Amino acid sequence: MTAPRDPTGDPLHGVTLERMLNELVDHLGWEAMGKRIAIRCFTSDPSVSSSLKFLRKTPWAREKVEGIYLSMLRERAKQPQPPSLGEVP
């Protein structure tokens, strides 16, 4: 699912921290997240709620999560998109 583009060009505009975290966990998993950012909320009994609490209070960790999310978006943009229903390949 692609979010509508913000006129300012900021790919994070309108994307909540919770959405970022859920998409990253779906894409990478908790283990890979913990390897990329060594914080306990990703490595020890991880959950979205505990991670959100920590990330909202810790700007440096939030910035790292945002950076990984942006990398994931760039990676997805490079992948070819399957044709839509009704389109002939």
N, C-alpha and C. Protein backbone atom coordinates (compact mmCIF):
# COMPACT_ATOMS: atom_id res chain seq x y z
N MET A 1 0.85 -1.17 0.00
CA MET A 1 0.00 0.00 0.00
C MET A 1 0.89 1.23 0.00
N THR A 2 0.66 2.13 -0.90
CA THR A 2 1.47 3.33 -1.01
C THR A 2 0.70 4.51 -0.44
N ALA A 3 1.36 5.25 0.43
CA ALA A 3 0.75 6.43 1.02
C ALA A 3 0.77 7.56 0.02
N PRO A 4 -0.23 8.44 0.05
CA PRO A 4 -0.21 9.58 -0.85
C PRO A 4 1.00 10.45 -0.55
N ARG A 5 1.60 10.99 -1.59
CA ARG A 5 2.78 11.83 -1.42
C ARG A 5 2.39 13.20 -0.86
N ASP A 6 3.22 13.68 0.04
CA ASP A 6 3.07 15.00 0.61
C ASP A 6 3.63 16.02 -0.39
N PRO A 7 2.97 17.15 -0.58
CA PRO A 7 3.48 18.15 -1.53
C PRO A 7 4.90 18.62 -1.20
N THR A 8 5.31 18.54 0.07
CA THR A 8 6.65 18.97 0.44
C THR A 8 7.70 17.93 0.06
N GLY A 9 7.25 16.74 -0.30
CA GLY A 9 8.18 15.68 -0.69
C GLY A 9 8.70 14.87 0.48
N ASP A 10 8.19 15.10 1.68
CA ASP A 10 8.63 14.35 2.86
C ASP A 10 7.93 13.00 2.89
N PRO A 11 8.66 11.90 2.68
CA PRO A 11 8.02 10.60 2.66
C PRO A 11 7.47 10.16 4.03
N LEU A 12 7.88 10.84 5.10
CA LEU A 12 7.39 10.49 6.44
C LEU A 12 6.15 11.29 6.84
N HIS A 13 5.77 12.27 6.01
CA HIS A 13 4.62 13.09 6.34
C HIS A 13 3.36 12.23 6.42
N GLY A 14 2.68 12.29 7.56
CA GLY A 14 1.44 11.56 7.75
C GLY A 14 1.62 10.10 8.15
N VAL A 15 2.87 9.65 8.28
CA VAL A 15 3.12 8.26 8.67
C VAL A 15 3.37 8.24 10.17
N THR A 16 2.56 7.51 10.90
CA THR A 16 2.73 7.45 12.34
C THR A 16 3.89 6.54 12.71
N LEU A 17 4.44 6.74 13.88
CA LEU A 17 5.51 5.89 14.38
C LEU A 17 5.02 4.44 14.49
N GLU A 18 3.78 4.27 14.91
CA GLU A 18 3.21 2.93 15.02
C GLU A 18 3.17 2.23 13.66
N ARG A 19 2.76 2.95 12.64
CA ARG A 19 2.71 2.37 11.29
C ARG A 19 4.11 1.98 10.82
N MET A 20 5.08 2.89 11.05
CA MET A 20 6.46 2.58 10.67
C MET A 20 6.94 1.30 11.34
N LEU A 21 6.71 1.24 12.64
CA LEU A 21 7.18 0.10 13.41
C LEU A 21 6.51 -1.19 12.95
N ASN A 22 5.20 -1.16 12.75
CA ASN A 22 4.49 -2.37 12.29
C ASN A 22 4.99 -2.82 10.92
N GLU A 23 5.20 -1.88 10.00
CA GLU A 23 5.68 -2.24 8.67
C GLU A 23 7.10 -2.81 8.73
N LEU A 24 7.94 -2.23 9.58
CA LEU A 24 9.30 -2.73 9.71
C LEU A 24 9.33 -4.12 10.32
N VAL A 25 8.51 -4.34 11.32
CA VAL A 25 8.46 -5.66 11.95
C VAL A 25 7.94 -6.69 10.95
N ASP A 26 6.94 -6.33 10.16
CA ASP A 26 6.43 -7.24 9.12
C ASP A 26 7.51 -7.53 8.08
N HIS A 27 8.28 -6.51 7.73
CA HIS A 27 9.29 -6.63 6.68
C HIS A 27 10.56 -7.33 7.17
N LEU A 28 11.03 -6.95 8.36
CA LEU A 28 12.32 -7.44 8.86
C LEU A 28 12.20 -8.47 9.97
N GLY A 29 11.22 -8.28 10.84
CA GLY A 29 11.11 -9.11 12.04
C GLY A 29 11.84 -8.47 13.21
N TRP A 30 11.47 -8.88 14.42
CA TRP A 30 12.06 -8.30 15.63
C TRP A 30 13.56 -8.58 15.73
N GLU A 31 13.96 -9.79 15.37
CA GLU A 31 15.38 -10.15 15.50
C GLU A 31 16.26 -9.24 14.66
N ALA A 32 15.88 -9.04 13.40
CA ALA A 32 16.66 -8.17 12.52
C ALA A 32 16.62 -6.72 13.00
N MET A 33 15.48 -6.30 13.53
CA MET A 33 15.38 -4.94 14.07
C MET A 33 16.36 -4.78 15.23
N GLY A 34 16.42 -5.79 16.10
CA GLY A 34 17.32 -5.75 17.24
C GLY A 34 18.79 -5.75 16.84
N LYS A 35 19.09 -6.38 15.72
CA LYS A 35 20.48 -6.37 15.23
C LYS A 35 20.84 -5.02 14.64
N ARG A 36 19.88 -4.36 14.01
CA ARG A 36 20.15 -3.05 13.40
C ARG A 36 20.21 -1.94 14.44
N ILE A 37 19.33 -2.04 15.43
CA ILE A 37 19.31 -1.05 16.52
C ILE A 37 19.30 -1.85 17.82
N ALA A 38 20.42 -1.86 18.51
CA ALA A 38 20.54 -2.68 19.71
C ALA A 38 19.88 -2.00 20.91
N ILE A 39 18.57 -2.15 20.99
CA ILE A 39 17.83 -1.63 22.14
C ILE A 39 16.96 -2.76 22.68
N ARG A 40 16.81 -2.80 23.99
CA ARG A 40 16.13 -3.91 24.65
C ARG A 40 14.69 -4.12 24.19
N CYS A 41 14.00 -3.05 23.85
CA CYS A 41 12.60 -3.21 23.45
C CYS A 41 12.49 -3.97 22.12
N PHE A 42 13.58 -4.13 21.37
CA PHE A 42 13.58 -4.93 20.15
C PHE A 42 14.14 -6.33 20.39
N THR A 43 14.93 -6.50 21.46
CA THR A 43 15.63 -7.78 21.66
C THR A 43 15.10 -8.62 22.81
N SER A 44 14.51 -8.00 23.81
CA SER A 44 14.06 -8.73 24.98
C SER A 44 12.54 -8.62 25.11
N ASP A 45 11.84 -9.70 24.79
CA ASP A 45 10.38 -9.73 24.84
C ASP A 45 9.77 -8.54 24.09
N PRO A 46 10.07 -8.43 22.78
CA PRO A 46 9.63 -7.26 22.02
C PRO A 46 8.12 -7.17 21.83
N SER A 47 7.63 -5.95 21.83
CA SER A 47 6.23 -5.70 21.52
C SER A 47 6.14 -4.30 20.93
N VAL A 48 5.09 -4.08 20.17
CA VAL A 48 4.89 -2.77 19.56
C VAL A 48 4.67 -1.73 20.65
N SER A 49 3.86 -2.04 21.65
CA SER A 49 3.54 -1.03 22.67
C SER A 49 4.78 -0.62 23.47
N SER A 50 5.62 -1.57 23.89
CA SER A 50 6.81 -1.20 24.65
C SER A 50 7.79 -0.43 23.77
N SER A 51 7.89 -0.81 22.51
CA SER A 51 8.79 -0.12 21.60
C SER A 51 8.32 1.31 21.34
N LEU A 52 7.01 1.49 21.18
CA LEU A 52 6.48 2.84 20.97
C LEU A 52 6.77 3.74 22.16
N LYS A 53 6.59 3.23 23.37
CA LYS A 53 6.86 4.02 24.57
C LYS A 53 8.31 4.48 24.58
N PHE A 54 9.23 3.54 24.29
CA PHE A 54 10.65 3.87 24.30
C PHE A 54 10.99 4.86 23.19
N LEU A 55 10.53 4.58 21.99
CA LEU A 55 10.88 5.42 20.84
C LEU A 55 10.33 6.84 20.97
N ARG A 56 9.18 7.00 21.59
CA ARG A 56 8.61 8.34 21.76
C ARG A 56 9.42 9.18 22.75
N LYS A 57 10.13 8.50 23.66
CA LYS A 57 10.93 9.21 24.67
C LYS A 57 12.40 9.32 24.28
N THR A 58 12.81 8.66 23.20
CA THR A 58 14.23 8.57 22.86
C THR A 58 14.46 9.00 21.42
N PRO A 59 14.76 10.28 21.21
CA PRO A 59 14.88 10.81 19.84
C PRO A 59 15.92 10.09 18.97
N TRP A 60 17.08 9.73 19.54
CA TRP A 60 18.10 9.09 18.70
C TRP A 60 17.62 7.75 18.17
N ALA A 61 16.88 7.00 18.98
CA ALA A 61 16.38 5.70 18.55
C ALA A 61 15.27 5.87 17.51
N ARG A 62 14.43 6.86 17.71
CA ARG A 62 13.37 7.13 16.74
C ARG A 62 13.96 7.50 15.39
N GLU A 63 15.02 8.32 15.41
CA GLU A 63 15.68 8.70 14.16
C GLU A 63 16.24 7.48 13.43
N LYS A 64 16.78 6.54 14.17
CA LYS A 64 17.30 5.31 13.54
C LYS A 64 16.18 4.50 12.92
N VAL A 65 15.05 4.39 13.62
CA VAL A 65 13.89 3.67 13.08
C VAL A 65 13.40 4.37 11.82
N GLU A 66 13.33 5.68 11.85
CA GLU A 66 12.90 6.43 10.66
C GLU A 66 13.85 6.19 9.49
N GLY A 67 15.15 6.13 9.78
CA GLY A 67 16.14 5.86 8.73
C GLY A 67 15.97 4.49 8.12
N ILE A 68 15.73 3.48 8.95
CA ILE A 68 15.51 2.13 8.44
C ILE A 68 14.22 2.08 7.62
N TYR A 69 13.20 2.79 8.08
CA TYR A 69 11.93 2.83 7.35
C TYR A 69 12.12 3.46 5.98
N LEU A 70 12.87 4.56 5.92
CA LEU A 70 13.13 5.21 4.63
C LEU A 70 13.92 4.29 3.70
N SER A 71 14.86 3.55 4.25
CA SER A 71 15.62 2.57 3.44
C SER A 71 14.68 1.51 2.88
N MET A 72 13.75 1.05 3.71
CA MET A 72 12.78 0.05 3.26
C MET A 72 11.92 0.61 2.14
N LEU A 73 11.49 1.88 2.27
CA LEU A 73 10.68 2.49 1.22
C LEU A 73 11.46 2.59 -0.10
N ARG A 74 12.74 2.97 -0.01
CA ARG A 74 13.57 3.05 -1.23
C ARG A 74 13.73 1.68 -1.86
N GLU A 75 13.93 0.67 -1.02
CA GLU A 75 14.07 -0.71 -1.51
C GLU A 75 12.79 -1.16 -2.22
N ARG A 76 11.66 -0.86 -1.63
CA ARG A 76 10.37 -1.23 -2.24
C ARG A 76 10.15 -0.50 -3.57
N ALA A 77 10.57 0.76 -3.63
CA ALA A 77 10.38 1.54 -4.85
C ALA A 77 11.19 0.98 -6.01
N LYS A 78 12.32 0.35 -5.72
CA LYS A 78 13.18 -0.22 -6.76
C LYS A 78 12.63 -1.52 -7.31
N GLN A 79 11.80 -2.21 -6.52
CA GLN A 79 11.27 -3.50 -6.95
C GLN A 79 10.18 -3.28 -8.00
N PRO A 80 10.20 -4.13 -9.05
CA PRO A 80 9.14 -4.01 -10.06
C PRO A 80 7.78 -4.34 -9.46
N GLN A 81 6.79 -3.58 -9.86
CA GLN A 81 5.43 -3.79 -9.37
C GLN A 81 4.70 -4.76 -10.27
N PRO A 82 3.95 -5.72 -9.72
CA PRO A 82 3.16 -6.62 -10.55
C PRO A 82 2.05 -5.84 -11.24
N PRO A 83 1.62 -6.30 -12.42
CA PRO A 83 0.55 -5.59 -13.11
C PRO A 83 -0.74 -5.65 -12.30
N SER A 84 -1.53 -4.59 -12.41
CA SER A 84 -2.82 -4.54 -11.71
C SER A 84 -3.80 -5.49 -12.36
N LEU A 85 -4.85 -5.82 -11.65
CA LEU A 85 -5.90 -6.67 -12.20
C LEU A 85 -6.48 -6.01 -13.45
N GLY A 86 -6.68 -6.77 -14.46
CA GLY A 86 -7.26 -6.23 -15.68
C GLY A 86 -6.22 -5.73 -16.68
N GLU A 87 -4.96 -5.54 -16.22
CA GLU A 87 -3.91 -5.10 -17.12
C GLU A 87 -3.28 -6.30 -17.80
N VAL A 88 -2.89 -6.12 -19.02
CA VAL A 88 -2.21 -7.17 -19.75
C VAL A 88 -0.71 -6.94 -19.61
N PRO A 89 0.03 -7.97 -19.14
CA PRO A 89 1.47 -7.78 -18.96
C PRO A 89 2.22 -7.60 -20.26
